[in-house]
Amino acid sequence: KNFEQKISQPAEYPPKEFETDVFNILKQIFPSAYRAGGKYVPEGFVGLEYETDRKHKCVFEWDCKLAKTSTYKLPQSEIDKAWRYIRSTLKSDELKNFNKRLNHYIIFSNAIDQSAFRNFATALNRKRKWRGEKSVVLFHTDALLELHSQYANNQKEITRRLNLFYEEFFKLLSRIEANLGYCNINKDDITSIFKSVLAKPAEYDELNAAKVEAHLKQDED
């Protein structure tokens, strides 16, 4: 079964397999994606550098929450666990040397209680040690599926606009909705950033090898 089929039947979808599928999608798009996972660490990390009018460095870490039935609840224990992840990441010498900040904490989920997530995000945002440019992100699985599909269908053109893509993607992760208090990413958001990036001129040119071949064949005649 592919990801779309599996996520449509969450009761039959093992959480560990969900975590693996999320990582595989992210790894395809963000080569620096690193899978962690365990009692004391989140599912994974992405840290990368890209360039627009200046150089940018962005880091996010993520966790996966698969609701088997109804919606996934986020009790106080989940807030405590997320803060433990964030706090430990912020203390990392590697992070301090790379970026000095953790920009985004992402939850990938198929169904999560909105009120519970608002409380979750509010509690994390109140932590004084997590300063600077940051956001708590709810990334719905329909958006993740769209990210996977759009990238697979447009990989060549996105590769020629990689800095533009990263700029739009991280701008999206930083968009906090005032009525929610967190960044809420759905399918339409992902469709929009691909549409925006693909409408811009490519950053890198490439040789049209087919035209070279045609010229060589014409030359032979």
N, C-alpha and C. Protein backbone atom coordinates (compact mmCIF):
# COMPACT_ATOMS: atom_id res chain seq x y z
N LYS A 1 0.84 -1.20 0.00
CA LYS A 1 0.00 0.00 0.00
C LYS A 1 0.87 1.25 0.00
N ASN A 2 0.41 2.30 -0.70
CA ASN A 2 1.13 3.56 -0.64
C ASN A 2 0.66 4.39 0.56
N PHE A 3 1.31 5.53 0.76
CA PHE A 3 1.02 6.35 1.94
C PHE A 3 -0.44 6.79 1.98
N GLU A 4 -0.98 7.19 0.84
CA GLU A 4 -2.37 7.65 0.78
C GLU A 4 -3.34 6.55 1.21
N GLN A 5 -3.09 5.34 0.76
CA GLN A 5 -3.97 4.22 1.13
C GLN A 5 -3.86 3.90 2.62
N LYS A 6 -2.63 3.93 3.12
CA LYS A 6 -2.43 3.59 4.53
C LYS A 6 -3.04 4.63 5.46
N ILE A 7 -2.90 5.91 5.12
CA ILE A 7 -3.41 6.95 6.01
C ILE A 7 -4.94 7.01 5.98
N SER A 8 -5.53 6.46 4.93
CA SER A 8 -7.00 6.41 4.85
C SER A 8 -7.58 5.29 5.72
N GLN A 9 -6.71 4.41 6.21
CA GLN A 9 -7.12 3.31 7.10
C GLN A 9 -6.25 3.31 8.35
N PRO A 10 -6.36 4.35 9.16
CA PRO A 10 -5.44 4.51 10.30
C PRO A 10 -5.50 3.38 11.32
N ALA A 11 -6.66 2.75 11.46
CA ALA A 11 -6.79 1.67 12.44
C ALA A 11 -5.87 0.50 12.10
N GLU A 12 -5.54 0.37 10.81
CA GLU A 12 -4.69 -0.74 10.36
C GLU A 12 -3.24 -0.30 10.10
N TYR A 13 -2.93 0.93 10.43
CA TYR A 13 -1.63 1.53 10.10
C TYR A 13 -0.75 1.53 11.35
N PRO A 14 0.29 0.71 11.40
CA PRO A 14 1.15 0.70 12.59
C PRO A 14 1.87 2.03 12.77
N PRO A 15 1.85 2.60 13.97
CA PRO A 15 2.50 3.90 14.21
C PRO A 15 3.97 3.94 13.78
N LYS A 16 4.71 2.86 13.99
CA LYS A 16 6.12 2.84 13.58
C LYS A 16 6.26 2.95 12.07
N GLU A 17 5.33 2.35 11.36
CA GLU A 17 5.36 2.43 9.89
C GLU A 17 5.02 3.85 9.44
N PHE A 18 4.08 4.48 10.14
CA PHE A 18 3.75 5.88 9.87
C PHE A 18 4.99 6.76 10.06
N GLU A 19 5.70 6.54 11.14
CA GLU A 19 6.92 7.32 11.40
C GLU A 19 7.96 7.12 10.30
N THR A 20 8.09 5.89 9.83
CA THR A 20 9.04 5.59 8.75
C THR A 20 8.63 6.29 7.45
N ASP A 21 7.33 6.25 7.14
CA ASP A 21 6.84 6.88 5.91
C ASP A 21 7.02 8.39 5.94
N VAL A 22 6.77 9.00 7.08
CA VAL A 22 6.97 10.45 7.22
C VAL A 22 8.44 10.78 6.98
N PHE A 23 9.32 10.03 7.59
CA PHE A 23 10.75 10.28 7.40
C PHE A 23 11.16 10.12 5.94
N ASN A 24 10.69 9.08 5.29
CA ASN A 24 11.08 8.83 3.89
C ASN A 24 10.64 9.97 2.97
N ILE A 25 9.46 10.52 3.22
CA ILE A 25 8.99 11.66 2.42
C ILE A 25 9.88 12.87 2.66
N LEU A 26 10.19 13.15 3.92
CA LEU A 26 11.02 14.31 4.24
C LEU A 26 12.44 14.15 3.70
N LYS A 27 12.96 12.94 3.79
CA LYS A 27 14.34 12.68 3.33
C LYS A 27 14.48 12.91 1.83
N GLN A 28 13.43 12.61 1.08
CA GLN A 28 13.44 12.82 -0.36
C GLN A 28 13.59 14.30 -0.71
N ILE A 29 12.98 15.15 0.10
CA ILE A 29 12.94 16.59 -0.18
C ILE A 29 14.05 17.35 0.55
N PHE A 30 14.38 16.88 1.75
CA PHE A 30 15.42 17.51 2.56
C PHE A 30 16.51 16.46 2.82
N PRO A 31 17.55 16.44 2.00
CA PRO A 31 18.59 15.40 2.14
C PRO A 31 19.24 15.36 3.52
N SER A 32 19.21 16.47 4.25
CA SER A 32 19.83 16.50 5.57
C SER A 32 18.94 15.88 6.65
N ALA A 33 17.72 15.46 6.30
CA ALA A 33 16.81 14.87 7.29
C ALA A 33 17.47 13.68 7.98
N TYR A 34 17.35 13.67 9.30
CA TYR A 34 17.97 12.62 10.11
C TYR A 34 16.91 11.99 10.98
N ARG A 35 16.82 10.68 10.91
CA ARG A 35 15.82 9.99 11.73
C ARG A 35 16.40 9.63 13.08
N ALA A 36 15.71 10.04 14.12
CA ALA A 36 16.13 9.72 15.48
C ALA A 36 15.06 8.80 16.08
N GLY A 37 14.33 9.28 17.03
CA GLY A 37 13.25 8.49 17.61
C GLY A 37 13.74 7.67 18.79
N GLY A 38 12.93 7.65 19.82
CA GLY A 38 13.28 6.93 21.04
C GLY A 38 12.63 7.61 22.22
N LYS A 39 12.95 7.14 23.40
CA LYS A 39 12.30 7.65 24.60
C LYS A 39 12.62 9.11 24.87
N TYR A 40 13.84 9.54 24.54
CA TYR A 40 14.28 10.88 24.92
C TYR A 40 14.53 11.81 23.75
N VAL A 41 14.18 11.39 22.55
CA VAL A 41 14.43 12.23 21.38
C VAL A 41 13.21 12.24 20.46
N PRO A 42 13.03 13.32 19.66
CA PRO A 42 11.90 13.36 18.71
C PRO A 42 12.15 12.40 17.55
N GLU A 43 11.23 12.37 16.61
CA GLU A 43 11.37 11.45 15.47
C GLU A 43 12.54 11.80 14.57
N GLY A 44 12.82 13.10 14.44
CA GLY A 44 13.93 13.45 13.57
C GLY A 44 14.20 14.95 13.51
N PHE A 45 15.23 15.29 12.76
CA PHE A 45 15.70 16.67 12.63
C PHE A 45 16.01 16.99 11.18
N VAL A 46 15.81 18.25 10.81
CA VAL A 46 16.30 18.78 9.54
C VAL A 46 16.99 20.11 9.85
N GLY A 47 18.20 20.25 9.34
CA GLY A 47 18.91 21.53 9.45
C GLY A 47 19.60 21.80 8.14
N LEU A 48 19.34 22.95 7.56
CA LEU A 48 19.94 23.23 6.25
C LEU A 48 20.20 24.73 6.07
N GLU A 49 21.01 25.00 5.07
CA GLU A 49 21.35 26.38 4.71
C GLU A 49 20.87 26.64 3.28
N TYR A 50 20.27 27.79 3.06
CA TYR A 50 19.88 28.17 1.70
C TYR A 50 20.16 29.66 1.53
N GLU A 51 20.07 30.12 0.30
CA GLU A 51 20.47 31.49 0.01
C GLU A 51 19.44 32.20 -0.86
N THR A 52 19.10 33.42 -0.46
CA THR A 52 18.25 34.30 -1.28
C THR A 52 19.08 35.56 -1.51
N ASP A 53 18.68 36.68 -0.93
CA ASP A 53 19.53 37.87 -0.97
C ASP A 53 20.63 37.76 0.08
N ARG A 54 20.50 36.80 0.98
CA ARG A 54 21.51 36.51 2.00
C ARG A 54 21.41 35.03 2.36
N LYS A 55 22.32 34.56 3.18
CA LYS A 55 22.29 33.16 3.60
C LYS A 55 21.36 32.99 4.80
N HIS A 56 20.64 31.89 4.80
CA HIS A 56 19.74 31.56 5.90
C HIS A 56 20.07 30.16 6.40
N LYS A 57 19.89 29.95 7.69
CA LYS A 57 19.98 28.61 8.26
C LYS A 57 18.69 28.34 9.02
N CYS A 58 18.12 27.17 8.79
CA CYS A 58 16.87 26.81 9.46
C CYS A 58 16.97 25.39 10.01
N VAL A 59 16.39 25.20 11.18
CA VAL A 59 16.37 23.88 11.81
C VAL A 59 14.95 23.60 12.30
N PHE A 60 14.47 22.41 12.00
CA PHE A 60 13.22 21.97 12.62
C PHE A 60 13.37 20.53 13.09
N GLU A 61 12.60 20.20 14.11
CA GLU A 61 12.50 18.81 14.53
C GLU A 61 11.03 18.43 14.52
N TRP A 62 10.78 17.13 14.45
CA TRP A 62 9.38 16.72 14.31
C TRP A 62 9.07 15.50 15.15
N ASP A 63 7.78 15.33 15.38
CA ASP A 63 7.24 14.15 16.04
C ASP A 63 5.98 13.74 15.28
N CYS A 64 5.62 12.49 15.38
CA CYS A 64 4.46 11.95 14.64
C CYS A 64 3.38 11.50 15.62
N LYS A 65 2.14 11.85 15.32
CA LYS A 65 1.01 11.45 16.16
C LYS A 65 -0.09 10.87 15.26
N LEU A 66 -0.22 9.58 15.26
CA LEU A 66 -1.22 8.90 14.44
C LEU A 66 -2.45 8.59 15.28
N ALA A 67 -3.58 9.18 14.89
CA ALA A 67 -4.85 8.90 15.57
C ALA A 67 -5.46 7.65 14.94
N LYS A 68 -5.63 6.62 15.73
CA LYS A 68 -6.22 5.37 15.22
C LYS A 68 -7.72 5.52 15.01
N THR A 69 -8.35 6.18 15.96
CA THR A 69 -9.78 6.48 15.89
C THR A 69 -9.98 7.88 16.44
N SER A 70 -11.03 8.56 16.01
CA SER A 70 -11.35 9.90 16.49
C SER A 70 -10.15 10.83 16.29
N THR A 71 -9.78 11.60 17.32
CA THR A 71 -8.66 12.54 17.20
C THR A 71 -7.62 12.25 18.27
N TYR A 72 -6.39 12.63 17.96
CA TYR A 72 -5.29 12.39 18.90
C TYR A 72 -5.34 13.45 20.01
N LYS A 73 -5.26 13.00 21.25
CA LYS A 73 -5.27 13.92 22.39
C LYS A 73 -3.84 14.28 22.77
N LEU A 74 -3.67 15.45 23.33
CA LEU A 74 -2.35 15.90 23.76
C LEU A 74 -2.38 16.30 25.23
N PRO A 75 -2.30 15.33 26.12
CA PRO A 75 -2.33 15.64 27.56
C PRO A 75 -1.05 16.34 28.01
N GLN A 76 -1.00 16.71 29.26
CA GLN A 76 0.16 17.42 29.81
C GLN A 76 1.45 16.63 29.60
N SER A 77 1.36 15.32 29.64
CA SER A 77 2.57 14.49 29.46
C SER A 77 3.19 14.72 28.07
N GLU A 78 2.35 14.99 27.06
CA GLU A 78 2.86 15.25 25.71
C GLU A 78 3.54 16.62 25.64
N ILE A 79 3.00 17.59 26.37
CA ILE A 79 3.63 18.92 26.44
C ILE A 79 4.99 18.81 27.12
N ASP A 80 5.02 18.07 28.22
CA ASP A 80 6.28 17.89 28.95
C ASP A 80 7.33 17.20 28.08
N LYS A 81 6.89 16.19 27.33
CA LYS A 81 7.82 15.45 26.48
C LYS A 81 8.37 16.35 25.37
N ALA A 82 7.48 17.12 24.72
CA ALA A 82 7.91 18.02 23.65
C ALA A 82 8.89 19.06 24.18
N TRP A 83 8.60 19.61 25.35
CA TRP A 83 9.50 20.61 25.91
C TRP A 83 10.86 19.99 26.26
N ARG A 84 10.85 18.77 26.72
CA ARG A 84 12.11 18.08 27.01
C ARG A 84 12.94 17.94 25.74
N TYR A 85 12.28 17.60 24.63
CA TYR A 85 12.98 17.50 23.33
C TYR A 85 13.57 18.85 22.94
N ILE A 86 12.74 19.89 23.01
CA ILE A 86 13.17 21.23 22.58
C ILE A 86 14.31 21.73 23.45
N ARG A 87 14.14 21.60 24.76
CA ARG A 87 15.16 22.08 25.71
C ARG A 87 16.49 21.38 25.48
N SER A 88 16.44 20.07 25.28
CA SER A 88 17.68 19.31 25.06
C SER A 88 18.33 19.71 23.73
N THR A 89 17.51 19.93 22.71
CA THR A 89 18.05 20.35 21.41
C THR A 89 18.74 21.69 21.52
N LEU A 90 18.12 22.62 22.26
CA LEU A 90 18.69 23.96 22.42
C LEU A 90 20.04 23.94 23.13
N LYS A 91 20.26 22.90 23.94
CA LYS A 91 21.53 22.79 24.68
C LYS A 91 22.63 22.14 23.85
N SER A 92 22.25 21.60 22.69
CA SER A 92 23.21 20.87 21.86
C SER A 92 24.30 21.79 21.30
N ASP A 93 25.56 21.40 21.47
CA ASP A 93 26.67 22.20 20.92
C ASP A 93 26.59 22.26 19.40
N GLU A 94 26.15 21.17 18.79
CA GLU A 94 26.04 21.14 17.32
C GLU A 94 25.05 22.19 16.84
N LEU A 95 23.91 22.30 17.53
CA LEU A 95 22.92 23.32 17.15
C LEU A 95 23.49 24.72 17.38
N LYS A 96 24.14 24.92 18.50
CA LYS A 96 24.71 26.23 18.81
C LYS A 96 25.72 26.65 17.74
N ASN A 97 26.51 25.71 17.27
CA ASN A 97 27.51 26.01 16.25
C ASN A 97 26.89 26.24 14.87
N PHE A 98 25.74 25.58 14.63
CA PHE A 98 25.12 25.68 13.30
C PHE A 98 24.21 26.90 13.18
N ASN A 99 23.32 27.05 14.14
CA ASN A 99 22.26 28.04 13.97
C ASN A 99 21.90 28.83 15.22
N LYS A 100 22.26 28.27 16.38
CA LYS A 100 21.95 28.87 17.69
C LYS A 100 20.46 28.84 18.04
N ARG A 101 19.61 28.37 17.13
CA ARG A 101 18.18 28.32 17.46
C ARG A 101 17.49 27.15 16.77
N LEU A 102 16.44 26.71 17.40
CA LEU A 102 15.54 25.72 16.80
C LEU A 102 14.34 26.50 16.28
N ASN A 103 14.19 26.54 14.98
CA ASN A 103 13.17 27.42 14.39
C ASN A 103 11.75 26.89 14.50
N HIS A 104 11.60 25.57 14.34
CA HIS A 104 10.24 25.02 14.28
C HIS A 104 10.16 23.65 14.94
N TYR A 105 9.06 23.45 15.64
CA TYR A 105 8.74 22.13 16.20
C TYR A 105 7.46 21.67 15.52
N ILE A 106 7.54 20.57 14.77
CA ILE A 106 6.43 20.14 13.92
C ILE A 106 5.80 18.85 14.44
N ILE A 107 4.48 18.83 14.46
CA ILE A 107 3.74 17.59 14.71
C ILE A 107 3.05 17.18 13.41
N PHE A 108 3.35 15.99 12.92
CA PHE A 108 2.65 15.42 11.77
C PHE A 108 1.54 14.52 12.30
N SER A 109 0.31 14.81 11.88
CA SER A 109 -0.82 14.03 12.39
C SER A 109 -1.95 13.95 11.37
N ASN A 110 -2.67 12.84 11.41
CA ASN A 110 -3.83 12.66 10.54
C ASN A 110 -5.10 13.27 11.13
N ALA A 111 -5.17 13.36 12.46
CA ALA A 111 -6.35 13.93 13.12
C ALA A 111 -5.98 14.28 14.55
N ILE A 112 -6.05 15.56 14.86
CA ILE A 112 -5.66 16.00 16.19
C ILE A 112 -6.69 16.98 16.71
N ASP A 113 -6.94 16.94 17.98
CA ASP A 113 -7.93 17.83 18.60
C ASP A 113 -7.40 19.27 18.55
N GLN A 114 -8.15 20.17 17.88
CA GLN A 114 -7.67 21.53 17.66
C GLN A 114 -7.48 22.30 18.96
N SER A 115 -8.42 22.14 19.88
CA SER A 115 -8.32 22.83 21.15
C SER A 115 -7.11 22.32 21.94
N ALA A 116 -6.90 21.01 21.90
CA ALA A 116 -5.75 20.42 22.59
C ALA A 116 -4.45 20.91 21.98
N PHE A 117 -4.43 21.04 20.65
CA PHE A 117 -3.19 21.51 20.01
C PHE A 117 -2.94 22.98 20.33
N ARG A 118 -3.99 23.76 20.43
CA ARG A 118 -3.82 25.16 20.80
C ARG A 118 -3.18 25.27 22.18
N ASN A 119 -3.65 24.46 23.11
CA ASN A 119 -3.08 24.44 24.46
C ASN A 119 -1.63 23.97 24.44
N PHE A 120 -1.37 22.97 23.61
CA PHE A 120 -0.02 22.43 23.43
C PHE A 120 0.93 23.52 22.93
N ALA A 121 0.53 24.22 21.88
CA ALA A 121 1.36 25.28 21.29
C ALA A 121 1.56 26.44 22.27
N THR A 122 0.49 26.82 22.94
CA THR A 122 0.56 27.94 23.90
C THR A 122 1.54 27.64 25.02
N ALA A 123 1.47 26.41 25.52
CA ALA A 123 2.37 26.01 26.62
C ALA A 123 3.83 26.06 26.18
N LEU A 124 4.12 25.60 24.96
CA LEU A 124 5.50 25.60 24.47
C LEU A 124 5.98 27.03 24.18
N ASN A 125 5.10 27.85 23.64
CA ASN A 125 5.48 29.23 23.31
C ASN A 125 5.75 30.08 24.56
N ARG A 126 5.24 29.65 25.69
CA ARG A 126 5.46 30.40 26.94
C ARG A 126 6.85 30.15 27.54
N LYS A 127 7.51 29.13 27.05
CA LYS A 127 8.82 28.77 27.61
C LYS A 127 9.85 29.86 27.26
N ARG A 128 10.39 30.50 28.26
CA ARG A 128 11.28 31.63 28.02
C ARG A 128 12.61 31.23 27.38
N LYS A 129 13.01 29.99 27.59
CA LYS A 129 14.29 29.55 27.04
C LYS A 129 14.22 29.32 25.53
N TRP A 130 12.99 29.23 25.01
CA TRP A 130 12.83 29.03 23.56
C TRP A 130 12.52 30.39 22.94
N ARG A 131 13.58 31.14 22.64
CA ARG A 131 13.41 32.51 22.16
C ARG A 131 13.69 32.60 20.67
N GLY A 132 13.51 33.80 20.13
CA GLY A 132 13.88 34.07 18.74
C GLY A 132 12.80 33.63 17.76
N GLU A 133 13.22 33.46 16.53
CA GLU A 133 12.29 33.06 15.46
C GLU A 133 11.91 31.60 15.66
N LYS A 134 10.66 31.34 16.00
CA LYS A 134 10.24 29.98 16.31
C LYS A 134 8.75 29.81 16.06
N SER A 135 8.33 28.58 15.87
CA SER A 135 6.90 28.31 15.74
C SER A 135 6.62 26.85 16.04
N VAL A 136 5.44 26.61 16.57
CA VAL A 136 4.91 25.26 16.74
C VAL A 136 4.00 25.02 15.55
N VAL A 137 4.18 23.90 14.88
CA VAL A 137 3.51 23.65 13.60
C VAL A 137 2.69 22.37 13.65
N LEU A 138 1.44 22.47 13.22
CA LEU A 138 0.61 21.28 13.00
C LEU A 138 0.58 21.04 11.50
N PHE A 139 1.18 19.94 11.08
CA PHE A 139 1.31 19.61 9.67
C PHE A 139 0.40 18.41 9.40
N HIS A 140 -0.74 18.68 8.77
CA HIS A 140 -1.72 17.62 8.53
C HIS A 140 -1.21 16.63 7.47
N THR A 141 -1.64 15.39 7.60
CA THR A 141 -1.13 14.37 6.66
C THR A 141 -1.60 14.61 5.23
N ASP A 142 -2.73 15.28 5.02
CA ASP A 142 -3.11 15.59 3.64
C ASP A 142 -2.13 16.58 3.01
N ALA A 143 -1.54 17.45 3.86
CA ALA A 143 -0.51 18.39 3.38
C ALA A 143 0.79 17.64 3.10
N LEU A 144 1.11 16.67 3.93
CA LEU A 144 2.32 15.87 3.71
C LEU A 144 2.19 15.05 2.43
N LEU A 145 1.01 14.52 2.20
CA LEU A 145 0.75 13.76 0.97
C LEU A 145 0.89 14.67 -0.26
N GLU A 146 0.39 15.90 -0.15
CA GLU A 146 0.51 16.87 -1.24
C GLU A 146 1.98 17.27 -1.46
N LEU A 147 2.72 17.42 -0.38
CA LEU A 147 4.15 17.73 -0.48
C LEU A 147 4.88 16.63 -1.25
N HIS A 148 4.58 15.40 -0.90
CA HIS A 148 5.19 14.24 -1.56
C HIS A 148 4.82 14.19 -3.03
N SER A 149 3.54 14.38 -3.32
CA SER A 149 3.05 14.30 -4.70
C SER A 149 3.60 15.43 -5.57
N GLN A 150 3.53 16.64 -5.07
CA GLN A 150 4.01 17.80 -5.83
C GLN A 150 5.52 17.70 -6.10
N TYR A 151 6.25 17.28 -5.10
CA TYR A 151 7.70 17.17 -5.29
C TYR A 151 8.03 16.07 -6.31
N ALA A 152 7.35 14.94 -6.21
CA ALA A 152 7.60 13.83 -7.13
C ALA A 152 7.29 14.24 -8.58
N ASN A 153 6.22 15.01 -8.76
CA ASN A 153 5.80 15.42 -10.11
C ASN A 153 6.64 16.57 -10.67
N ASN A 154 7.29 17.33 -9.79
CA ASN A 154 8.01 18.53 -10.24
C ASN A 154 9.47 18.55 -9.78
N GLN A 155 10.01 17.38 -9.49
CA GLN A 155 11.34 17.33 -8.88
C GLN A 155 12.40 18.06 -9.69
N LYS A 156 12.41 17.85 -10.99
CA LYS A 156 13.44 18.47 -11.84
C LYS A 156 13.36 20.00 -11.76
N GLU A 157 12.15 20.54 -11.87
CA GLU A 157 11.98 21.99 -11.85
C GLU A 157 12.22 22.58 -10.46
N ILE A 158 11.86 21.84 -9.42
CA ILE A 158 12.12 22.31 -8.05
C ILE A 158 13.62 22.33 -7.78
N THR A 159 14.33 21.32 -8.27
CA THR A 159 15.78 21.27 -8.09
C THR A 159 16.46 22.49 -8.70
N ARG A 160 15.88 23.02 -9.76
CA ARG A 160 16.44 24.22 -10.41
C ARG A 160 16.02 25.50 -9.68
N ARG A 161 15.16 25.35 -8.66
CA ARG A 161 14.68 26.51 -7.89
C ARG A 161 14.75 26.19 -6.39
N LEU A 162 15.78 25.49 -5.98
CA LEU A 162 15.81 24.95 -4.63
C LEU A 162 15.82 26.02 -3.55
N ASN A 163 16.59 27.08 -3.75
CA ASN A 163 16.60 28.16 -2.76
C ASN A 163 15.24 28.83 -2.65
N LEU A 164 14.59 29.01 -3.79
CA LEU A 164 13.24 29.61 -3.79
C LEU A 164 12.25 28.71 -3.06
N PHE A 165 12.38 27.39 -3.28
CA PHE A 165 11.50 26.44 -2.61
C PHE A 165 11.70 26.48 -1.10
N TYR A 166 12.96 26.44 -0.66
CA TYR A 166 13.22 26.47 0.77
C TYR A 166 12.73 27.78 1.39
N GLU A 167 12.91 28.87 0.67
CA GLU A 167 12.44 30.16 1.18
C GLU A 167 10.93 30.13 1.41
N GLU A 168 10.19 29.64 0.44
CA GLU A 168 8.73 29.59 0.56
C GLU A 168 8.29 28.59 1.64
N PHE A 169 8.98 27.46 1.71
CA PHE A 169 8.60 26.44 2.68
C PHE A 169 8.80 26.94 4.11
N PHE A 170 9.96 27.53 4.38
CA PHE A 170 10.23 27.99 5.74
C PHE A 170 9.42 29.24 6.09
N LYS A 171 9.07 30.01 5.08
CA LYS A 171 8.16 31.14 5.31
C LYS A 171 6.80 30.61 5.77
N LEU A 172 6.37 29.52 5.14
CA LEU A 172 5.10 28.89 5.52
C LEU A 172 5.15 28.38 6.96
N LEU A 173 6.26 27.74 7.34
CA LEU A 173 6.38 27.22 8.70
C LEU A 173 6.36 28.33 9.75
N SER A 174 6.71 29.54 9.33
CA SER A 174 6.76 30.68 10.26
C SER A 174 5.43 31.43 10.36
N ARG A 175 4.45 31.02 9.56
CA ARG A 175 3.16 31.72 9.54
C ARG A 175 2.28 31.25 10.69
N ILE A 176 2.20 32.07 11.71
CA ILE A 176 1.38 31.73 12.88
C ILE A 176 0.02 32.40 12.75
N GLU A 177 -1.02 31.60 12.81
CA GLU A 177 -2.38 32.13 12.68
C GLU A 177 -2.84 32.67 14.02
N ALA A 178 -3.21 33.96 14.02
CA ALA A 178 -3.53 34.66 15.26
C ALA A 178 -4.65 34.00 16.05
N ASN A 179 -5.66 33.49 15.34
CA ASN A 179 -6.80 32.90 16.04
C ASN A 179 -6.48 31.52 16.62
N LEU A 180 -5.37 30.92 16.17
CA LEU A 180 -4.99 29.60 16.66
C LEU A 180 -3.79 29.65 17.60
N GLY A 181 -2.84 30.55 17.30
CA GLY A 181 -1.63 30.63 18.11
C GLY A 181 -0.55 29.67 17.66
N TYR A 182 -0.76 29.06 16.51
CA TYR A 182 0.26 28.15 15.96
C TYR A 182 0.16 28.15 14.45
N CYS A 183 1.11 27.49 13.80
CA CYS A 183 1.11 27.37 12.34
C CYS A 183 0.35 26.12 11.95
N ASN A 184 -0.67 26.28 11.13
CA ASN A 184 -1.56 25.19 10.74
C ASN A 184 -1.43 24.96 9.24
N ILE A 185 -0.81 23.85 8.84
CA ILE A 185 -0.51 23.61 7.42
C ILE A 185 -1.41 22.53 6.85
N ASN A 186 -2.15 22.92 5.80
CA ASN A 186 -3.03 21.97 5.13
C ASN A 186 -2.64 21.82 3.66
N LYS A 187 -3.40 21.02 2.95
CA LYS A 187 -3.08 20.69 1.56
C LYS A 187 -2.97 21.93 0.68
N ASP A 188 -3.92 22.85 0.82
CA ASP A 188 -3.94 24.05 -0.04
C ASP A 188 -2.68 24.91 0.14
N ASP A 189 -2.15 24.94 1.36
CA ASP A 189 -0.92 25.71 1.61
C ASP A 189 0.24 25.16 0.79
N ILE A 190 0.33 23.84 0.74
CA ILE A 190 1.42 23.21 -0.01
C ILE A 190 1.23 23.41 -1.51
N THR A 191 0.02 23.27 -1.98
CA THR A 191 -0.26 23.52 -3.40
C THR A 191 0.16 24.93 -3.78
N SER A 192 -0.13 25.88 -2.92
CA SER A 192 0.18 27.29 -3.19
C SER A 192 1.67 27.56 -3.29
N ILE A 193 2.46 26.95 -2.39
CA ILE A 193 3.89 27.25 -2.45
C ILE A 193 4.53 26.64 -3.70
N PHE A 194 4.07 25.47 -4.12
CA PHE A 194 4.61 24.89 -5.35
C PHE A 194 4.22 25.74 -6.56
N LYS A 195 2.99 26.20 -6.57
CA LYS A 195 2.53 27.05 -7.66
C LYS A 195 3.36 28.33 -7.73
N SER A 196 3.63 28.91 -6.58
CA SER A 196 4.41 30.15 -6.51
C SER A 196 5.85 29.93 -6.97
N VAL A 197 6.48 28.87 -6.49
CA VAL A 197 7.88 28.59 -6.83
C VAL A 197 8.03 28.27 -8.31
N LEU A 198 7.14 27.43 -8.84
CA LEU A 198 7.24 27.01 -10.24
C LEU A 198 6.96 28.14 -11.23
N ALA A 199 6.28 29.19 -10.75
CA ALA A 199 5.98 30.33 -11.62
C ALA A 199 7.19 31.27 -11.77
N LYS A 200 8.21 31.07 -10.92
CA LYS A 200 9.38 31.95 -10.95
C LYS A 200 10.46 31.39 -11.87
N PRO A 201 11.30 32.26 -12.41
CA PRO A 201 12.39 31.78 -13.27
C PRO A 201 13.32 30.85 -12.50
N ALA A 202 13.87 29.88 -13.20
CA ALA A 202 14.80 28.94 -12.57
C ALA A 202 16.06 29.67 -12.12
N GLU A 203 16.62 29.22 -11.02
CA GLU A 203 17.87 29.80 -10.51
C GLU A 203 19.07 29.28 -11.29
N TYR A 204 18.94 28.07 -11.79
CA TYR A 204 20.05 27.43 -12.48
C TYR A 204 19.62 27.01 -13.88
N ASP A 205 20.48 27.25 -14.83
CA ASP A 205 20.22 26.82 -16.20
C ASP A 205 20.84 25.45 -16.41
N GLU A 206 20.42 24.78 -17.45
CA GLU A 206 21.02 23.48 -17.77
C GLU A 206 21.05 23.28 -19.27
N LEU A 207 21.96 22.44 -19.69
CA LEU A 207 22.11 22.14 -21.11
C LEU A 207 20.93 21.33 -21.61
N ASN A 208 20.39 21.73 -22.77
CA ASN A 208 19.34 20.93 -23.40
C ASN A 208 20.03 19.86 -24.26
N ALA A 209 20.27 18.72 -23.65
CA ALA A 209 21.04 17.66 -24.31
C ALA A 209 20.32 17.11 -25.54
N ALA A 210 19.00 17.13 -25.53
CA ALA A 210 18.24 16.62 -26.68
C ALA A 210 18.53 17.46 -27.92
N LYS A 211 18.67 18.78 -27.72
CA LYS A 211 18.98 19.65 -28.86
C LYS A 211 20.40 19.43 -29.37
N VAL A 212 21.31 19.13 -28.45
CA VAL A 212 22.68 18.82 -28.85
C VAL A 212 22.69 17.54 -29.69
N GLU A 213 21.93 16.55 -29.21
CA GLU A 213 21.84 15.28 -29.95
C GLU A 213 21.26 15.51 -31.34
N ALA A 214 20.20 16.31 -31.42
CA ALA A 214 19.57 16.58 -32.71
C ALA A 214 20.55 17.27 -33.66
N HIS A 215 21.34 18.18 -33.12
CA HIS A 215 22.34 18.88 -33.94
C HIS A 215 23.40 17.91 -34.47
N LEU A 216 23.83 16.99 -33.60
CA LEU A 216 24.85 16.01 -34.00
C LEU A 216 24.34 15.11 -35.12
N LYS A 217 23.07 14.70 -34.97
CA LYS A 217 22.49 13.82 -35.99
C LYS A 217 22.33 14.56 -37.31
N GLN A 218 21.97 15.84 -37.22
CA GLN A 218 21.82 16.66 -38.43
C GLN A 218 23.18 16.86 -39.09
N ASP A 219 24.22 17.00 -38.27
CA ASP A 219 25.57 17.19 -38.77
C ASP A 219 26.08 15.95 -39.53
N GLU A 220 25.64 14.79 -39.04
CA GLU A 220 26.04 13.56 -39.72
C GLU A 220 25.48 13.46 -41.12
N ASP A 221 24.29 13.99 -41.30
CA ASP A 221 23.63 13.96 -42.61
C ASP A 221 24.34 14.91 -43.58
